[in-house]
Protein backbone atom coordinates (compact mmCIF):
# COMPACT_ATOMS: atom_id res chain seq x y z
CA MET A 1 -29.28 6.38 4.34
CA LYS A 2 -28.20 5.11 7.90
CA SER A 3 -26.52 1.80 8.71
CA ALA A 4 -28.94 -1.13 9.33
CA ASN A 5 -29.40 -2.95 12.59
CA LYS A 6 -27.25 -6.07 12.73
CA VAL A 7 -28.74 -9.11 10.94
CA LEU A 8 -27.69 -12.70 11.09
CA LEU A 9 -26.72 -14.48 7.89
CA ASN A 10 -29.56 -17.04 8.46
CA GLN A 11 -30.58 -17.70 4.79
CA SER A 12 -28.83 -20.56 3.20
CA THR A 13 -27.47 -18.87 -0.03
CA TYR A 14 -25.75 -15.37 -0.55
CA PHE A 15 -24.49 -13.78 -3.85
CA ILE A 16 -21.22 -12.09 -3.52
CA ALA A 17 -21.32 -8.96 -5.72
CA GLY A 18 -18.29 -6.68 -6.49
CA THR A 19 -18.68 -2.90 -7.02
CA ASP A 20 -16.23 -3.56 -10.01
CA THR A 21 -13.98 -6.26 -11.32
CA ASP A 22 -10.73 -6.91 -9.28
CA VAL A 23 -12.14 -5.72 -6.16
CA GLY A 24 -11.48 -8.83 -3.95
CA LYS A 25 -14.56 -10.93 -4.36
CA THR A 26 -12.54 -14.09 -3.96
CA VAL A 27 -10.62 -12.96 -1.09
CA CYS A 28 -13.69 -11.70 0.72
CA THR A 29 -15.74 -14.96 0.04
CA ARG A 30 -12.74 -17.07 1.29
CA ALA A 31 -12.58 -14.75 4.45
CA LEU A 32 -16.48 -15.69 4.93
CA LEU A 33 -15.98 -19.30 4.34
CA GLN A 34 -13.12 -19.39 6.73
CA ALA A 35 -14.97 -17.44 9.42
CA ALA A 36 -18.20 -19.90 9.07
CA LYS A 37 -16.06 -22.93 9.28
CA GLN A 38 -14.71 -21.53 12.56
CA GLN A 39 -18.22 -21.35 13.78
CA ASN A 40 -18.78 -25.01 12.70
CA LYS A 41 -21.01 -24.07 9.89
CA THR A 42 -20.97 -26.35 6.64
CA THR A 43 -20.34 -24.27 3.64
CA ILE A 44 -19.92 -24.30 -0.07
CA GLY A 45 -18.38 -21.46 -2.50
CA TYR A 46 -19.79 -21.63 -5.93
CA LYS A 47 -18.32 -19.52 -8.85
CA PRO A 48 -20.84 -20.44 -11.51
CA ILE A 49 -19.27 -18.64 -14.42
CA SER A 50 -15.55 -17.67 -14.75
CA ALA A 51 -13.29 -16.34 -17.59
CA GLY A 52 -9.51 -16.21 -17.54
CA CYS A 53 -8.70 -19.91 -16.76
CA GLU A 54 -5.89 -21.93 -17.31
CA LEU A 55 -5.88 -24.91 -19.50
CA THR A 56 -4.67 -27.99 -17.69
CA GLU A 57 -4.74 -31.75 -18.04
CA LEU A 58 -7.77 -31.84 -16.13
CA GLY A 59 -9.47 -29.12 -18.14
CA LEU A 60 -9.98 -25.47 -17.59
CA ARG A 61 -9.34 -24.08 -14.24
CA ASN A 62 -10.07 -20.78 -12.71
CA GLN A 63 -7.86 -19.63 -9.80
CA ASP A 64 -10.77 -18.04 -8.15
CA ALA A 65 -12.81 -21.16 -8.07
CA LEU A 66 -10.04 -23.34 -6.99
CA ILE A 67 -9.68 -21.05 -4.04
CA LEU A 68 -13.43 -21.47 -3.40
CA GLN A 69 -13.30 -25.33 -3.77
CA ALA A 70 -10.34 -25.50 -1.29
CA ASN A 71 -12.00 -23.46 1.47
CA SER A 72 -15.57 -25.11 1.26
CA SER A 73 -16.15 -27.46 4.24
CA VAL A 74 -17.75 -29.94 1.65
CA ASN A 75 -15.39 -31.65 -0.81
CA LEU A 76 -16.66 -31.00 -4.20
CA PRO A 77 -15.48 -31.86 -7.87
CA TYR A 78 -14.31 -28.78 -9.67
CA ASN A 79 -17.11 -28.67 -12.20
CA ASP A 80 -19.54 -28.49 -9.16
CA VAL A 81 -17.93 -25.30 -8.15
CA ASN A 82 -17.37 -23.84 -11.50
CA PRO A 83 -19.37 -25.44 -14.32
CA ILE A 84 -18.90 -22.67 -16.95
CA ALA A 85 -15.43 -21.78 -17.56
CA PHE A 86 -13.67 -19.88 -20.36
CA GLN A 87 -9.87 -19.57 -21.00
CA GLN A 88 -10.04 -15.89 -22.51
CA PRO A 89 -9.66 -13.12 -19.69
CA VAL A 90 -12.48 -11.04 -20.96
CA ALA A 91 -16.27 -10.65 -20.16
CA PRO A 92 -17.61 -14.14 -20.11
CA HIS A 93 -20.29 -13.39 -22.80
CA ILE A 94 -17.53 -12.16 -25.18
CA ALA A 95 -15.48 -15.27 -24.45
CA ALA A 96 -18.47 -17.28 -25.16
CA ILE A 97 -18.65 -15.81 -28.44
CA GLU A 98 -15.15 -16.37 -29.13
CA ASN A 99 -15.48 -19.82 -28.54
CA GLY A 100 -18.61 -20.28 -30.77
CA THR A 101 -21.13 -21.00 -27.78
CA PHE A 102 -23.28 -19.20 -25.40
CA ILE A 103 -23.81 -19.09 -21.58
CA ASP A 104 -26.69 -21.40 -20.68
CA ILE A 105 -28.38 -20.06 -17.61
CA ASN A 106 -29.89 -23.45 -17.11
CA ILE A 107 -26.44 -24.68 -16.12
CA VAL A 108 -26.18 -22.07 -13.54
CA ASN A 109 -29.62 -22.85 -12.15
CA ASN A 110 -29.06 -26.56 -12.10
CA GLY A 111 -25.47 -26.23 -10.43
CA LEU A 112 -26.97 -23.98 -7.62
CA GLN A 113 -30.03 -26.40 -7.06
CA HIS A 114 -27.42 -29.26 -6.84
CA LEU A 115 -25.52 -27.60 -4.16
CA GLN A 116 -28.63 -26.29 -2.25
CA ASN A 117 -29.86 -30.01 -2.03
CA MET A 118 -26.76 -30.94 -0.04
CA ASN A 119 -28.44 -28.90 2.76
CA VAL A 120 -25.26 -27.17 3.96
CA ASP A 121 -25.52 -23.97 6.19
CA LEU A 122 -24.21 -21.42 3.74
CA VAL A 123 -23.79 -21.43 0.08
CA PHE A 124 -21.76 -18.30 -1.16
CA VAL A 125 -22.24 -17.66 -4.85
CA GLU A 126 -19.59 -15.57 -6.31
CA GLY A 127 -20.28 -13.22 -9.25
CA ALA A 128 -17.83 -12.32 -11.93
CA GLY A 129 -16.88 -8.66 -12.69
CA GLY A 130 -19.40 -6.13 -11.27
CA TRP A 131 -23.05 -6.18 -10.58
CA HIS A 132 -24.22 -5.71 -14.10
CA LEU A 133 -22.38 -8.52 -15.78
CA PRO A 134 -23.78 -9.51 -19.11
CA ILE A 135 -24.64 -13.08 -19.88
CA ASP A 136 -25.63 -12.19 -23.51
CA ASN A 137 -26.93 -8.99 -25.17
CA GLN A 138 -30.03 -9.01 -23.24
CA PHE A 139 -29.59 -10.83 -19.95
CA LEU A 140 -27.52 -9.90 -16.98
CA LEU A 141 -26.21 -11.95 -14.25
CA SER A 142 -27.93 -9.68 -11.87
CA ASP A 143 -31.19 -10.45 -13.63
CA TRP A 144 -30.57 -14.13 -12.59
CA VAL A 145 -29.75 -13.08 -8.79
CA ILE A 146 -33.40 -11.12 -8.75
CA GLU A 147 -35.04 -14.18 -10.32
CA LYS A 148 -33.55 -16.23 -7.43
CA GLN A 149 -34.09 -13.54 -4.86
CA LEU A 150 -30.86 -13.95 -3.33
CA PRO A 151 -29.65 -11.62 -0.42
CA VAL A 152 -26.48 -9.92 -1.60
CA ILE A 153 -23.22 -9.28 0.23
CA LEU A 154 -21.46 -6.28 -1.49
CA ILE A 155 -17.64 -6.38 -1.63
CA VAL A 156 -16.20 -2.63 -1.88
CA GLY A 157 -12.53 -2.49 -3.19
CA LEU A 158 -11.16 0.45 -1.13
CA LYS A 159 -9.41 2.71 -3.78
CA LEU A 160 -10.04 6.09 -5.46
CA GLY A 161 -13.60 6.27 -6.74
CA CYS A 162 -14.92 3.49 -4.43
CA LEU A 163 -17.72 5.80 -2.78
CA ASN A 164 -19.28 6.27 -6.22
CA HIS A 165 -18.73 2.55 -7.26
CA ALA A 166 -20.29 1.36 -4.02
CA LEU A 167 -23.14 3.63 -3.59
CA LEU A 168 -24.31 3.12 -7.42
CA THR A 169 -24.00 -0.54 -6.98
CA ALA A 170 -25.92 -0.71 -3.70
CA LYS A 171 -28.60 1.54 -5.16
CA ALA A 172 -29.06 -0.63 -8.10
CA ILE A 173 -29.33 -3.72 -5.84
CA GLU A 174 -31.87 -2.19 -3.48
CA GLN A 175 -34.02 -0.72 -6.61
CA SER A 176 -34.11 -4.36 -7.79
CA GLY A 177 -35.88 -5.24 -4.63
CA LEU A 178 -33.22 -7.39 -3.32
CA VAL A 179 -31.75 -7.18 0.25
CA ILE A 180 -28.06 -6.08 1.02
CA ALA A 181 -27.25 -8.52 3.72
CA GLY A 182 -24.04 -6.81 4.39
CA TRP A 183 -20.97 -5.36 2.75
CA ILE A 184 -17.17 -5.91 3.19
CA ALA A 185 -14.47 -3.20 2.88
CA ASN A 186 -11.45 -4.75 1.20
CA HIS A 187 -8.23 -2.89 1.30
CA LEU A 188 -6.56 -3.00 -2.31
CA GLN A 189 -3.54 -0.91 -1.52
CA PRO A 190 -1.31 -0.35 1.65
CA ASP A 191 -1.89 3.36 2.14
CA MET A 192 -5.00 4.72 0.58
CA PRO A 193 -5.32 8.23 1.43
CA TYR A 194 -8.33 9.09 3.75
CA VAL A 195 -9.31 5.34 3.90
CA VAL A 196 -10.80 5.75 7.43
CA ASP A 197 -13.09 8.53 6.19
CA ASN A 198 -14.07 6.61 3.30
CA ILE A 199 -15.09 3.74 5.40
CA GLU A 200 -17.03 5.77 7.60
CA THR A 201 -18.89 7.32 4.71
CA LEU A 202 -19.61 3.87 3.46
CA LYS A 203 -20.93 2.82 6.77
CA THR A 204 -23.20 5.84 6.91
CA MET A 205 -24.56 5.51 3.36
CA ILE A 206 -24.95 1.80 2.87
CA ASN A 207 -28.16 0.50 4.54
CA ALA A 208 -26.53 -2.63 5.67
CA PRO A 209 -23.89 -3.65 8.35
CA MET A 210 -20.26 -3.95 7.51
CA LEU A 211 -19.26 -7.74 8.07
CA ALA A 212 -15.59 -7.41 7.83
CA GLU A 213 -12.77 -5.11 6.95
CA ILE A 214 -10.03 -7.02 5.01
CA PRO A 215 -6.59 -5.38 5.42
CA PHE A 216 -3.95 -5.15 2.79
CA ILE A 217 -1.90 -8.36 3.27
CA LYS A 218 1.05 -9.45 0.93
CA GLY A 219 0.33 -13.13 0.53
CA ILE A 220 -3.15 -12.94 1.11
CA ASN A 221 -4.12 -16.00 -0.58
CA THR A 222 -2.41 -18.09 1.97
CA THR A 223 -3.66 -15.98 5.09
CA ASN A 224 -6.45 -17.30 7.27
CA LEU A 225 -8.74 -14.23 7.20
CA ALA A 226 -11.59 -15.62 9.64
CA GLU A 227 -10.24 -13.02 12.32
CA PHE A 228 -11.20 -10.13 10.34
CA VAL A 229 -14.98 -11.21 9.94
CA ASP A 230 -17.45 -10.21 12.44
CA VAL A 231 -18.61 -13.56 13.23
CA SER A 232 -21.65 -12.26 15.26
CA PHE A 233 -23.39 -11.98 11.81
CA ILE A 234 -22.77 -15.71 10.93
């Protein structure tokens, strides 16, 4: 596959998918939110399902969701950003079973519709884990993305094995009939061997433009990452 021509992020809602867990979906979503804000776009980050939350006096709080809440241009209550939260740091459907409940996809639907009704320029919906995250033993979060026909921004965590993970995920997304609006290369370590070669391979084989390359930065959660995003896409 050859890289696609440039396309603008001109839809209102995008799903942020990772090639695996811990590849930097939140870091990259924050970069997109920050870059869009610099372009005077109104934005919302939505983390519909989270696991691995801290129990606070205000209730369960997920660090990733808090970051999205803080970097959205619209001031929202926490539950609007993250309506389904579990304390256990495991796959959400397993956490739900542990809590004697289930993941109600209607909550995810209603939450997204509520945010879309605000008529902001961009809503970035951050997934959990990788592309095929189970909601239960029959339904995947990717099934929901397909139902909603959301264009996808793919986050590739640059590490050994990332080529296989990225190409498998991109193929699965494309075979589902969805559009990959773009992808982001996220450096997970300071000195990955042959990292430039890996990025060039991905540019050639992912049929979508690279929207950003996020470097490895200590204290990245306090760094403004807008400068690393190609704002010509926004």
